[in-house]
Amino acid sequence: MAKKKVFALRVDDDIYAAIERWAADEFRSTNGQLEWLIAKALKDAGRLPKSRSVQGGDK
């Protein structure tokens, strides 16, 4: 398993609630959903290292 960095993230209440609902719909934790969203955004922008893939598929 890859080493993970821990950091604080401030998010608007409404955005956090929307992420929580989305995560529940896809049977992920909120943290897992945020990781997936960030990784997908990096991949889509061409900034994710080629050796990495977005886990959980492209839902």
Protein backbone atom coordinates (compact mmCIF):
# COMPACT_ATOMS: atom_id res chain seq x y z
CA MET A 1 0.00 0.00 0.00
CA ALA A 2 1.23 3.47 -0.83
CA LYS A 3 2.29 5.79 1.97
CA LYS A 4 -0.41 8.36 2.72
CA LYS A 5 0.03 11.98 3.76
CA VAL A 6 -2.28 13.32 6.46
CA PHE A 7 -3.40 16.96 6.24
CA ALA A 8 -6.28 19.18 7.30
CA LEU A 9 -8.76 20.31 4.67
CA ARG A 10 -11.37 23.02 5.17
CA VAL A 11 -14.49 22.55 3.05
CA ASP A 12 -17.77 24.44 2.89
CA ASP A 13 -20.58 22.61 4.77
CA ASP A 14 -22.78 22.26 1.66
CA ILE A 15 -19.91 20.86 -0.42
CA TYR A 16 -18.98 18.40 2.33
CA ALA A 17 -22.60 17.22 2.60
CA ALA A 18 -22.73 16.67 -1.17
CA ILE A 19 -19.48 14.67 -1.06
CA GLU A 20 -20.86 12.58 1.84
CA ARG A 21 -24.02 11.77 -0.14
CA TRP A 22 -22.00 10.91 -3.27
CA ALA A 23 -19.66 8.69 -1.24
CA ALA A 24 -22.61 6.85 0.32
CA ASP A 25 -24.15 6.30 -3.13
CA GLU A 26 -20.90 4.64 -4.27
CA PHE A 27 -20.27 2.73 -1.02
CA ARG A 28 -17.11 4.71 -0.24
CA SER A 29 -16.04 6.61 2.84
CA THR A 30 -16.03 10.37 2.56
CA ASN A 31 -12.24 10.29 2.74
CA GLY A 32 -12.12 7.63 0.01
CA GLN A 33 -14.42 9.73 -2.18
CA LEU A 34 -12.19 12.77 -1.75
CA GLU A 35 -9.11 10.70 -2.64
CA TRP A 36 -10.88 9.35 -5.72
CA LEU A 37 -12.04 12.82 -6.80
CA ILE A 38 -8.56 14.30 -6.45
CA ALA A 39 -6.91 11.39 -8.27
CA LYS A 40 -9.48 11.57 -11.09
CA ALA A 41 -9.00 15.33 -11.45
CA LEU A 42 -5.22 14.83 -11.62
CA LYS A 43 -5.61 12.07 -14.22
CA ASP A 44 -8.03 14.15 -16.32
CA ALA A 45 -5.60 17.10 -16.21
CA GLY A 46 -2.69 14.87 -17.24
CA ARG A 47 -0.90 15.47 -13.94
CA LEU A 48 -1.15 11.98 -12.41
CA PRO A 49 2.04 9.92 -12.79
CA LYS A 50 1.59 7.29 -15.52
CA SER A 51 2.23 4.44 -13.06
CA ARG A 52 -0.84 5.42 -10.99
CA SER A 53 -4.45 4.68 -11.84
CA VAL A 54 -7.66 5.96 -10.35
CA GLN A 55 -8.85 3.26 -7.95
CA GLY A 56 -12.49 2.30 -7.90
CA GLY A 57 -12.97 2.75 -11.62
CA ASP A 58 -14.47 5.66 -13.50
CA LYS A 59 -17.98 5.79 -12.06
